[in-house]
N, C-alpha and C. Protein backbone atom coordinates (compact mmCIF):
# COMPACT_ATOMS: atom_id res chain seq x y z
N MET A 1 1.07 40.03 -5.90
CA MET A 1 -0.23 39.07 -6.03
C MET A 1 -0.37 38.16 -5.57
N PRO A 2 -1.49 37.86 -4.43
CA PRO A 2 -1.22 36.25 -3.97
C PRO A 2 -1.29 35.09 -4.72
N LYS A 3 -1.27 34.23 -4.46
CA LYS A 3 -1.17 32.95 -5.33
C LYS A 3 -2.44 32.70 -5.44
N TYR A 4 -3.28 32.45 -4.13
CA TYR A 4 -4.83 32.26 -4.31
C TYR A 4 -5.89 33.36 -4.37
N GLU A 5 -6.94 34.10 -5.00
CA GLU A 5 -7.72 35.08 -4.67
C GLU A 5 -8.53 34.45 -4.11
N PRO A 6 -9.72 35.48 -3.51
CA PRO A 6 -10.79 35.17 -3.34
C PRO A 6 -12.22 34.97 -4.37
N GLY A 7 -12.60 33.94 -4.46
CA GLY A 7 -13.55 33.09 -5.27
C GLY A 7 -13.21 32.02 -6.25
N ASP A 8 -12.45 31.69 -5.89
CA ASP A 8 -11.08 31.40 -6.84
C ASP A 8 -11.07 29.24 -6.22
N TYR A 9 -11.48 28.44 -6.65
CA TYR A 9 -11.69 26.91 -6.50
C TYR A 9 -10.33 26.02 -6.31
N VAL A 10 -10.17 25.90 -5.18
CA VAL A 10 -9.19 24.65 -4.95
C VAL A 10 -9.67 23.51 -4.97
N LYS A 11 -9.05 22.63 -5.52
CA LYS A 11 -8.81 20.76 -4.97
C LYS A 11 -8.18 20.06 -4.46
N VAL A 12 -8.72 19.74 -3.35
CA VAL A 12 -8.30 19.56 -2.30
C VAL A 12 -8.00 18.21 -1.79
N GLU A 13 -6.90 17.66 -0.88
CA GLU A 13 -7.06 16.02 -1.07
C GLU A 13 -7.54 16.06 0.96
N PHE A 14 -8.32 15.14 0.61
CA PHE A 14 -9.17 15.16 2.20
C PHE A 14 -8.60 13.43 2.52
N GLU A 15 -7.78 13.03 3.19
CA GLU A 15 -7.78 11.57 3.73
C GLU A 15 -8.87 10.92 4.49
N GLY A 16 -8.66 9.76 3.83
CA GLY A 16 -9.16 8.99 4.51
C GLY A 16 -9.17 8.46 5.35
N GLU A 17 -10.39 7.85 6.74
CA GLU A 17 -9.72 7.11 7.76
C GLU A 17 -10.51 5.90 8.23
N GLU A 18 -9.45 4.83 8.84
CA GLU A 18 -9.53 3.23 8.29
C GLU A 18 -9.64 2.53 7.59
N GLY A 19 -8.77 3.09 6.84
CA GLY A 19 -9.56 1.95 5.38
C GLY A 19 -10.29 2.70 4.59
N ILE A 20 -10.66 3.45 4.57
CA ILE A 20 -11.57 4.30 3.92
C ILE A 20 -10.90 5.25 2.70
N PRO A 21 -10.98 4.91 1.66
CA PRO A 21 -10.19 5.35 0.87
C PRO A 21 -10.72 7.40 0.66
N GLY A 22 -9.57 7.73 0.75
CA GLY A 22 -9.18 9.29 0.66
C GLY A 22 -10.45 10.13 -0.81
N GLU A 23 -10.51 11.42 -0.58
CA GLU A 23 -11.03 11.60 -1.88
C GLU A 23 -10.46 13.15 -1.98
N TRP A 24 -10.87 13.67 -3.20
CA TRP A 24 -10.65 15.40 -3.38
C TRP A 24 -11.76 16.17 -3.97
N MET A 25 -11.85 17.16 -2.96
CA MET A 25 -13.39 18.41 -3.41
C MET A 25 -12.69 19.64 -3.58
N TRP A 26 -13.18 19.94 -4.04
CA TRP A 26 -13.43 21.59 -4.12
C TRP A 26 -13.52 22.64 -3.29
N VAL A 27 -12.66 23.22 -2.64
CA VAL A 27 -12.92 24.18 -1.66
C VAL A 27 -13.39 25.86 -2.51
N ARG A 28 -14.04 26.47 -2.15
CA ARG A 28 -14.23 28.28 -3.20
C ARG A 28 -13.36 28.93 -1.75
N VAL A 29 -12.23 29.42 -2.23
CA VAL A 29 -11.60 30.67 -1.40
C VAL A 29 -12.07 31.45 -0.98
N ASP A 30 -11.75 32.00 0.14
CA ASP A 30 -12.66 33.40 0.83
C ASP A 30 -11.22 34.20 0.96
N HIS A 31 -9.88 33.92 1.91
CA HIS A 31 -8.89 34.31 1.58
C HIS A 31 -8.04 33.62 1.73
N ALA A 32 -6.29 33.98 1.53
CA ALA A 32 -5.07 33.01 1.99
C ALA A 32 -4.41 33.88 2.50
N ASP A 33 -3.64 33.18 3.12
CA ASP A 33 -2.24 33.41 4.04
C ASP A 33 -0.72 33.22 3.03
N ASP A 34 -0.30 33.88 2.28
CA ASP A 34 1.04 33.19 1.93
C ASP A 34 2.21 33.60 3.05
N SER A 35 2.10 33.46 3.76
CA SER A 35 3.58 33.60 4.57
C SER A 35 2.99 32.54 5.39
N GLN A 36 1.71 32.09 5.54
CA GLN A 36 1.58 30.79 6.82
C GLN A 36 1.23 29.84 5.72
N ARG A 37 1.29 30.00 4.63
CA ARG A 37 0.62 28.79 3.15
C ARG A 37 -0.58 27.85 3.63
N LEU A 38 -1.23 29.13 3.95
CA LEU A 38 -2.77 28.47 4.22
C LEU A 38 -4.11 29.24 3.80
N VAL A 39 -4.76 28.48 2.93
CA VAL A 39 -6.08 28.73 2.31
C VAL A 39 -7.71 28.84 3.18
N PHE A 40 -7.89 29.82 3.26
CA PHE A 40 -9.45 29.88 3.96
C PHE A 40 -10.48 29.84 3.12
N GLY A 41 -11.51 28.71 3.27
CA GLY A 41 -12.49 28.99 2.15
C GLY A 41 -13.59 27.90 2.90
N VAL A 42 -14.39 28.03 1.62
CA VAL A 42 -15.57 27.23 2.14
C VAL A 42 -15.86 25.51 1.05
N LEU A 43 -16.22 24.66 1.85
CA LEU A 43 -16.15 23.46 1.08
C LEU A 43 -17.39 23.64 0.14
N ASP A 44 -16.96 22.95 -1.24
CA ASP A 44 -18.00 23.05 -1.99
C ASP A 44 -18.86 22.41 -2.88
N ASN A 45 -18.27 20.73 -2.33
CA ASN A 45 -18.44 19.21 -2.30
C ASN A 45 -19.47 18.88 -1.60
N GLU A 46 -20.23 18.16 -2.04
CA GLU A 46 -21.05 17.12 -0.47
C GLU A 46 -19.70 15.83 -0.26
N PRO A 47 -19.42 16.12 0.42
CA PRO A 47 -18.60 14.21 0.63
C PRO A 47 -19.30 13.44 0.49
N LEU A 48 -18.37 12.42 0.21
CA LEU A 48 -18.58 10.88 0.18
C LEU A 48 -18.35 10.22 1.01
N ASN A 49 -17.22 10.45 1.79
CA ASN A 49 -16.78 10.26 3.04
C ASN A 49 -18.01 10.67 4.33
N ASP A 50 -17.86 10.03 5.23
CA ASP A 50 -18.61 10.78 6.27
C ASP A 50 -17.67 11.95 7.42
N TYR A 51 -16.76 11.22 7.87
CA TYR A 51 -15.58 12.30 8.50
C TYR A 51 -16.12 12.28 9.57
N ASP A 52 -16.93 11.37 10.07
CA ASP A 52 -17.55 11.28 11.24
C ASP A 52 -18.14 12.91 11.30
N GLY A 53 -19.30 13.35 10.49
CA GLY A 53 -20.38 14.08 10.49
C GLY A 53 -19.32 15.69 10.82
N LYS A 54 -17.25 15.92 11.10
CA LYS A 54 -16.83 17.29 11.18
C LYS A 54 -17.11 17.55 10.11
N ILE A 55 -16.73 17.47 8.79
CA ILE A 55 -17.58 18.70 7.82
C ILE A 55 -18.71 18.19 6.79
N GLY A 56 -18.82 19.12 5.89
CA GLY A 56 -20.11 18.85 5.14
C GLY A 56 -19.38 19.91 4.08
N LEU A 57 -21.11 20.05 3.09
CA LEU A 57 -20.73 21.42 2.13
C LEU A 57 -21.11 22.08 2.55
N GLY A 58 -20.67 23.33 2.44
CA GLY A 58 -20.82 24.67 3.01
C GLY A 58 -20.08 24.76 4.47
N SER A 59 -19.04 23.78 4.90
CA SER A 59 -17.72 24.28 5.71
C SER A 59 -17.03 25.16 5.41
N GLU A 60 -16.87 25.44 6.77
CA GLU A 60 -15.40 26.51 6.60
C GLU A 60 -14.54 26.07 6.99
N LEU A 61 -13.05 25.67 6.07
CA LEU A 61 -11.81 25.59 6.63
C LEU A 61 -10.77 26.15 6.19
N ALA A 62 -9.57 25.64 6.47
CA ALA A 62 -8.73 25.89 6.97
C ALA A 62 -7.30 25.10 5.91
N ILE A 63 -6.61 25.58 4.81
CA ILE A 63 -6.34 24.15 4.15
C ILE A 63 -4.63 24.94 3.98
N SER A 64 -3.97 23.66 4.23
CA SER A 64 -2.36 23.73 3.83
C SER A 64 -2.21 23.77 2.14
N TYR A 65 -1.25 24.57 2.11
CA TYR A 65 -1.41 24.86 0.46
C TYR A 65 -0.64 23.29 0.70
N THR A 66 -0.39 22.10 0.79
CA THR A 66 0.19 21.21 0.61
C THR A 66 -0.81 19.73 0.60
N LYS A 67 -2.07 20.70 0.52
CA LYS A 67 -2.96 19.37 -0.12
C LYS A 67 -3.82 19.85 -1.23
N ILE A 68 -3.64 20.95 -1.70
CA ILE A 68 -4.55 21.32 -2.57
C ILE A 68 -3.58 20.69 -3.90
N ARG A 69 -4.47 20.58 -4.43
CA ARG A 69 -4.22 19.34 -5.88
C ARG A 69 -4.24 20.11 -7.04
N ASP A 70 -5.20 21.16 -7.60
CA ASP A 70 -5.45 21.87 -8.14
C ASP A 70 -6.10 22.95 -7.94
N HIS A 71 -5.59 24.38 -8.73
CA HIS A 71 -6.35 25.25 -8.74
C HIS A 71 -7.63 26.14 -10.09
N LYS A 72 -8.15 26.71 -9.96
CA LYS A 72 -8.83 27.44 -10.96
C LYS A 72 -9.80 28.42 -10.65
N LYS A 73 -9.67 29.64 -11.52
CA LYS A 73 -10.51 30.84 -11.74
C LYS A 73 -12.10 30.26 -11.67
N PRO A 74 -13.34 31.07 -10.90
CA PRO A 74 -14.63 30.39 -11.18
C PRO A 74 -14.82 30.94 -12.53
N THR A 75 -14.33 31.57 -13.55
CA THR A 75 -14.44 31.15 -15.07
C THR A 75 -14.47 29.97 -15.61
N GLU A 76 -13.52 29.35 -15.13
CA GLU A 76 -12.94 27.73 -15.60
C GLU A 76 -14.19 27.22 -15.51
N PHE A 77 -15.44 27.23 -14.69
CA PHE A 77 -16.17 26.30 -14.47
C PHE A 77 -17.34 27.30 -15.19
N THR A 78 -17.13 28.18 -16.43
CA THR A 78 -18.42 28.15 -17.11
C THR A 78 -18.37 27.94 -18.53
N LYS A 79 -19.72 27.35 -19.28
CA LYS A 79 -19.57 26.96 -21.35
C LYS A 79 -19.05 28.52 -21.36
N HIS A 80 -18.32 28.43 -22.23
CA HIS A 80 -17.87 29.90 -22.53
C HIS A 80 -18.72 29.99 -24.12
């Protein structure tokens, strides 16, 4: 069974630029490649930093496992 499955959410660390503090944002997993240690998904947060306009809500990203700080199933975000 893969570590990250479609629909899961991973919290990713994004580094700041030129003295701007970094931030952590959620990415919704589309698929993962365990052998390459990459998660492919869509940014599910509006970034606070500009990142030179390179990323925004809905951006498709490839994320290294080393940048993942948290992992949740979609059901963990719903009220019980």
